[in-house]
Amino acid sequence: MIRALPLMLLLAACDPNLPPVDASISAKARAQTFPVLVPLDAILAEGSRASRAAAAQSELQGRAAALSRTTIASPGTGDLAARGRRLRERAERLRAIPL
């Protein structure tokens, strides 16, 4: 019985009162000309050409390598406590500004 259920559903979908397939194409669509076919050589050549993204990628990788080789300079003053105090004072002045 379980196998018969899908078969019954498929048979129900085969309605003999459906219009023929040819009737679904309008007269305007039938009157149009066929599309012009072009050779694929130009399209295939475009696909094998190197993209601009590949050139940009190599440039960015070179810049990233140069940046990774550089070192960050140490602060100008050797007194970290004084630098921290100046940064805290500056932060307090910035917090005091009314928005």
N, C-alpha and C. Protein backbone atom coordinates (compact mmCIF):
# COMPACT_ATOMS: atom_id res chain seq x y z
N MET A 1 0.82 -1.20 0.00
CA MET A 1 0.00 0.00 0.00
C MET A 1 0.86 1.26 0.00
N ILE A 2 2.00 1.20 0.72
CA ILE A 2 2.86 2.38 0.79
C ILE A 2 3.47 2.68 -0.58
N ARG A 3 3.80 1.65 -1.33
CA ARG A 3 4.37 1.86 -2.66
C ARG A 3 3.33 2.35 -3.65
N ALA A 4 2.11 2.06 -3.42
CA ALA A 4 1.05 2.47 -4.34
C ALA A 4 0.73 3.95 -4.21
N LEU A 5 1.00 4.56 -3.04
CA LEU A 5 0.67 5.97 -2.82
C LEU A 5 1.43 6.89 -3.77
N PRO A 6 2.75 6.75 -3.93
CA PRO A 6 3.44 7.64 -4.90
C PRO A 6 2.96 7.41 -6.32
N LEU A 7 2.67 6.17 -6.66
CA LEU A 7 2.17 5.88 -8.00
C LEU A 7 0.83 6.56 -8.23
N MET A 8 -0.02 6.57 -7.24
CA MET A 8 -1.33 7.22 -7.37
C MET A 8 -1.16 8.74 -7.50
N LEU A 9 -0.18 9.30 -6.78
CA LEU A 9 0.06 10.74 -6.90
C LEU A 9 0.58 11.10 -8.29
N LEU A 10 1.45 10.26 -8.84
CA LEU A 10 1.95 10.51 -10.19
C LEU A 10 0.85 10.40 -11.23
N LEU A 11 -0.02 9.44 -11.06
CA LEU A 11 -1.13 9.29 -12.01
C LEU A 11 -2.09 10.46 -11.91
N ALA A 12 -2.27 11.01 -10.71
CA ALA A 12 -3.15 12.16 -10.56
C ALA A 12 -2.57 13.39 -11.24
N ALA A 13 -1.24 13.47 -11.32
CA ALA A 13 -0.61 14.60 -11.98
C ALA A 13 -0.74 14.51 -13.50
N CYS A 14 -1.00 13.37 -14.04
CA CYS A 14 -1.14 13.18 -15.49
C CYS A 14 -2.58 13.41 -15.90
N ASP A 15 -3.02 14.61 -15.82
CA ASP A 15 -4.40 14.97 -16.16
C ASP A 15 -4.56 15.03 -17.67
N PRO A 16 -5.50 14.30 -18.27
CA PRO A 16 -5.67 14.34 -19.72
C PRO A 16 -6.25 15.66 -20.21
N ASN A 17 -6.74 16.50 -19.31
CA ASN A 17 -7.35 17.77 -19.73
C ASN A 17 -6.34 18.91 -19.79
N LEU A 18 -5.05 18.63 -19.61
CA LEU A 18 -4.03 19.67 -19.68
C LEU A 18 -3.89 20.14 -21.13
N PRO A 19 -3.61 21.44 -21.34
CA PRO A 19 -3.45 21.92 -22.72
C PRO A 19 -2.15 21.37 -23.30
N PRO A 20 -2.07 21.25 -24.60
CA PRO A 20 -0.85 20.75 -25.22
C PRO A 20 0.31 21.74 -25.01
N VAL A 21 1.50 21.24 -25.08
CA VAL A 21 2.68 22.06 -24.83
C VAL A 21 2.80 23.17 -25.88
N ASP A 22 2.47 22.90 -27.11
CA ASP A 22 2.59 23.90 -28.16
C ASP A 22 1.68 25.09 -27.92
N ALA A 23 0.59 24.91 -27.21
CA ALA A 23 -0.35 26.00 -26.96
C ALA A 23 0.20 26.98 -25.94
N SER A 24 1.22 26.60 -25.19
CA SER A 24 1.77 27.51 -24.19
C SER A 24 2.71 28.55 -24.79
N ILE A 25 3.14 28.37 -26.03
CA ILE A 25 4.02 29.34 -26.70
C ILE A 25 3.15 30.34 -27.45
N SER A 26 3.33 31.62 -27.14
CA SER A 26 2.49 32.64 -27.77
C SER A 26 2.87 32.84 -29.23
N ALA A 27 1.97 33.45 -29.98
CA ALA A 27 2.22 33.72 -31.39
C ALA A 27 3.36 34.73 -31.55
N LYS A 28 3.47 35.68 -30.61
CA LYS A 28 4.55 36.66 -30.67
C LYS A 28 5.91 35.97 -30.50
N ALA A 29 5.97 35.00 -29.59
CA ALA A 29 7.22 34.28 -29.38
C ALA A 29 7.57 33.43 -30.59
N ARG A 30 6.57 32.86 -31.23
CA ARG A 30 6.82 32.05 -32.43
C ARG A 30 7.30 32.91 -33.60
N ALA A 31 6.86 34.18 -33.66
CA ALA A 31 7.21 35.05 -34.78
C ALA A 31 8.63 35.61 -34.66
N GLN A 32 9.23 35.57 -33.49
CA GLN A 32 10.57 36.12 -33.32
C GLN A 32 11.60 35.25 -34.03
N THR A 33 12.68 35.92 -34.44
CA THR A 33 13.76 35.20 -35.11
C THR A 33 14.64 34.50 -34.08
N PHE A 34 15.42 33.58 -34.56
CA PHE A 34 16.33 32.86 -33.68
C PHE A 34 17.48 33.79 -33.27
N PRO A 35 18.07 33.60 -32.11
CA PRO A 35 19.18 34.46 -31.69
C PRO A 35 20.42 34.21 -32.56
N VAL A 36 21.24 35.25 -32.65
CA VAL A 36 22.47 35.15 -33.43
C VAL A 36 23.52 34.44 -32.57
N LEU A 37 24.12 33.43 -33.12
CA LEU A 37 25.15 32.68 -32.41
C LEU A 37 26.51 33.29 -32.73
N VAL A 38 27.32 33.48 -31.71
CA VAL A 38 28.66 34.04 -31.90
C VAL A 38 29.69 32.99 -31.52
N PRO A 39 30.88 33.07 -32.09
CA PRO A 39 31.92 32.11 -31.72
C PRO A 39 32.35 32.31 -30.27
N LEU A 40 32.74 31.24 -29.64
CA LEU A 40 33.13 31.27 -28.23
C LEU A 40 34.60 31.61 -28.03
N ASP A 41 35.37 31.74 -29.10
CA ASP A 41 36.80 31.96 -28.96
C ASP A 41 37.12 33.23 -28.16
N ALA A 42 36.40 34.32 -28.44
CA ALA A 42 36.67 35.57 -27.73
C ALA A 42 36.32 35.44 -26.25
N ILE A 43 35.25 34.76 -25.95
CA ILE A 43 34.84 34.60 -24.55
C ILE A 43 35.82 33.69 -23.82
N LEU A 44 36.26 32.63 -24.46
CA LEU A 44 37.23 31.73 -23.84
C LEU A 44 38.58 32.41 -23.63
N ALA A 45 38.99 33.26 -24.57
CA ALA A 45 40.25 33.98 -24.42
C ALA A 45 40.17 34.96 -23.26
N GLU A 46 39.02 35.57 -23.07
CA GLU A 46 38.83 36.49 -21.94
C GLU A 46 38.96 35.76 -20.61
N GLY A 47 38.52 34.53 -20.55
CA GLY A 47 38.61 33.77 -19.31
C GLY A 47 40.02 33.34 -18.97
N SER A 48 40.88 33.18 -19.97
CA SER A 48 42.25 32.75 -19.70
C SER A 48 43.20 33.92 -19.45
N ARG A 49 42.72 35.14 -19.64
CA ARG A 49 43.55 36.33 -19.42
C ARG A 49 43.77 36.53 -17.93
N ALA A 50 44.94 37.02 -17.57
CA ALA A 50 45.23 37.28 -16.15
C ALA A 50 44.34 38.41 -15.65
N SER A 51 43.82 38.25 -14.46
CA SER A 51 42.92 39.26 -13.92
C SER A 51 43.69 40.37 -13.24
N ARG A 52 43.02 41.52 -13.08
CA ARG A 52 43.63 42.64 -12.37
C ARG A 52 43.80 42.32 -10.90
N ALA A 53 42.95 41.45 -10.38
CA ALA A 53 43.04 41.09 -8.96
C ALA A 53 44.33 40.33 -8.67
N ALA A 54 44.81 39.54 -9.62
CA ALA A 54 46.06 38.80 -9.41
C ALA A 54 47.23 39.76 -9.29
N ALA A 55 47.25 40.81 -10.12
CA ALA A 55 48.33 41.79 -10.03
C ALA A 55 48.25 42.54 -8.70
N ALA A 56 47.05 42.92 -8.30
CA ALA A 56 46.88 43.61 -7.02
C ALA A 56 47.26 42.70 -5.86
N GLN A 57 46.96 41.42 -5.97
CA GLN A 57 47.29 40.48 -4.90
C GLN A 57 48.80 40.38 -4.72
N SER A 58 49.54 40.29 -5.81
CA SER A 58 50.99 40.17 -5.68
C SER A 58 51.58 41.45 -5.10
N GLU A 59 51.03 42.60 -5.49
CA GLU A 59 51.52 43.87 -4.95
C GLU A 59 51.25 43.95 -3.44
N LEU A 60 50.05 43.56 -3.03
CA LEU A 60 49.71 43.59 -1.60
C LEU A 60 50.53 42.59 -0.79
N GLN A 61 50.81 41.44 -1.37
CA GLN A 61 51.64 40.47 -0.66
C GLN A 61 53.06 41.00 -0.48
N GLY A 62 53.58 41.72 -1.47
CA GLY A 62 54.90 42.33 -1.36
C GLY A 62 54.93 43.39 -0.27
N ARG A 63 53.88 44.21 -0.23
CA ARG A 63 53.81 45.23 0.81
C ARG A 63 53.69 44.61 2.20
N ALA A 64 52.90 43.54 2.31
CA ALA A 64 52.75 42.87 3.60
C ALA A 64 54.07 42.26 4.06
N ALA A 65 54.83 41.70 3.13
CA ALA A 65 56.13 41.13 3.50
C ALA A 65 57.09 42.22 3.96
N ALA A 66 57.04 43.38 3.29
CA ALA A 66 57.91 44.48 3.69
C ALA A 66 57.52 45.00 5.07
N LEU A 67 56.23 45.08 5.34
CA LEU A 67 55.78 45.55 6.65
C LEU A 67 56.11 44.56 7.75
N SER A 68 56.06 43.28 7.45
CA SER A 68 56.36 42.30 8.49
C SER A 68 57.84 42.27 8.83
N ARG A 69 58.69 42.73 7.91
CA ARG A 69 60.13 42.78 8.20
C ARG A 69 60.51 43.99 9.04
N THR A 70 59.68 45.02 9.06
CA THR A 70 60.01 46.22 9.83
C THR A 70 59.74 46.00 11.30
N THR A 71 60.41 46.79 12.13
CA THR A 71 60.19 46.71 13.57
C THR A 71 59.57 48.00 14.05
N ILE A 72 58.84 47.92 15.12
CA ILE A 72 58.21 49.09 15.71
C ILE A 72 59.23 49.77 16.60
N ALA A 73 59.39 51.07 16.39
CA ALA A 73 60.36 51.82 17.18
C ALA A 73 59.89 51.95 18.62
N SER A 74 60.82 51.94 19.52
CA SER A 74 60.46 52.09 20.94
C SER A 74 60.12 53.55 21.21
N PRO A 75 59.38 53.83 22.28
CA PRO A 75 59.02 55.21 22.58
C PRO A 75 60.27 56.08 22.75
N GLY A 76 60.11 57.38 22.44
CA GLY A 76 61.23 58.30 22.49
C GLY A 76 61.81 58.47 23.88
N THR A 77 60.98 58.45 24.89
CA THR A 77 61.48 58.63 26.25
C THR A 77 61.66 57.27 26.90
N GLY A 78 62.62 57.18 27.77
CA GLY A 78 62.86 55.92 28.46
C GLY A 78 62.01 55.78 29.70
N ASP A 79 61.36 56.87 30.13
CA ASP A 79 60.59 56.85 31.37
C ASP A 79 59.14 56.49 31.06
N LEU A 80 58.78 55.22 31.22
CA LEU A 80 57.41 54.77 30.92
C LEU A 80 56.41 55.32 31.92
N ALA A 81 56.81 55.54 33.15
CA ALA A 81 55.89 56.08 34.16
C ALA A 81 55.47 57.49 33.78
N ALA A 82 56.41 58.31 33.31
CA ALA A 82 56.07 59.68 32.90
C ALA A 82 55.18 59.66 31.68
N ARG A 83 55.45 58.76 30.75
CA ARG A 83 54.61 58.66 29.54
C ARG A 83 53.20 58.22 29.91
N GLY A 84 53.07 57.26 30.81
CA GLY A 84 51.75 56.82 31.26
C GLY A 84 50.99 57.94 31.95
N ARG A 85 51.69 58.74 32.76
CA ARG A 85 51.05 59.86 33.45
C ARG A 85 50.54 60.88 32.43
N ARG A 86 51.36 61.19 31.39
CA ARG A 86 50.93 62.14 30.36
C ARG A 86 49.72 61.61 29.60
N LEU A 87 49.70 60.34 29.32
CA LEU A 87 48.55 59.76 28.61
C LEU A 87 47.29 59.80 29.46
N ARG A 88 47.42 59.54 30.76
CA ARG A 88 46.25 59.61 31.65
C ARG A 88 45.73 61.03 31.76
N GLU A 89 46.65 62.01 31.85
CA GLU A 89 46.23 63.41 31.91
C GLU A 89 45.52 63.83 30.63
N ARG A 90 46.04 63.39 29.50
CA ARG A 90 45.41 63.72 28.23
C ARG A 90 44.03 63.07 28.13
N ALA A 91 43.91 61.85 28.63
CA ALA A 91 42.61 61.17 28.61
C ALA A 91 41.61 61.91 29.48
N GLU A 92 42.04 62.41 30.63
CA GLU A 92 41.14 63.18 31.50
C GLU A 92 40.70 64.46 30.82
N ARG A 93 41.62 65.14 30.13
CA ARG A 93 41.23 66.37 29.42
C ARG A 93 40.24 66.05 28.31
N LEU A 94 40.43 64.94 27.63
CA LEU A 94 39.48 64.57 26.56
C LEU A 94 38.12 64.20 27.12
N ARG A 95 38.08 63.55 28.27
CA ARG A 95 36.80 63.21 28.90
C ARG A 95 36.06 64.44 29.37
N ALA A 96 36.80 65.51 29.72
CA ALA A 96 36.18 66.72 30.24
C ALA A 96 35.52 67.55 29.14
N ILE A 97 35.82 67.28 27.88
CA ILE A 97 35.23 68.05 26.78
C ILE A 97 33.75 67.70 26.67
N PRO A 98 32.86 68.72 26.71
CA PRO A 98 31.42 68.43 26.59
C PRO A 98 31.07 68.05 25.15
N LEU A 99 30.26 67.05 25.02
CA LEU A 99 29.85 66.61 23.68
C LEU A 99 28.50 67.16 23.32
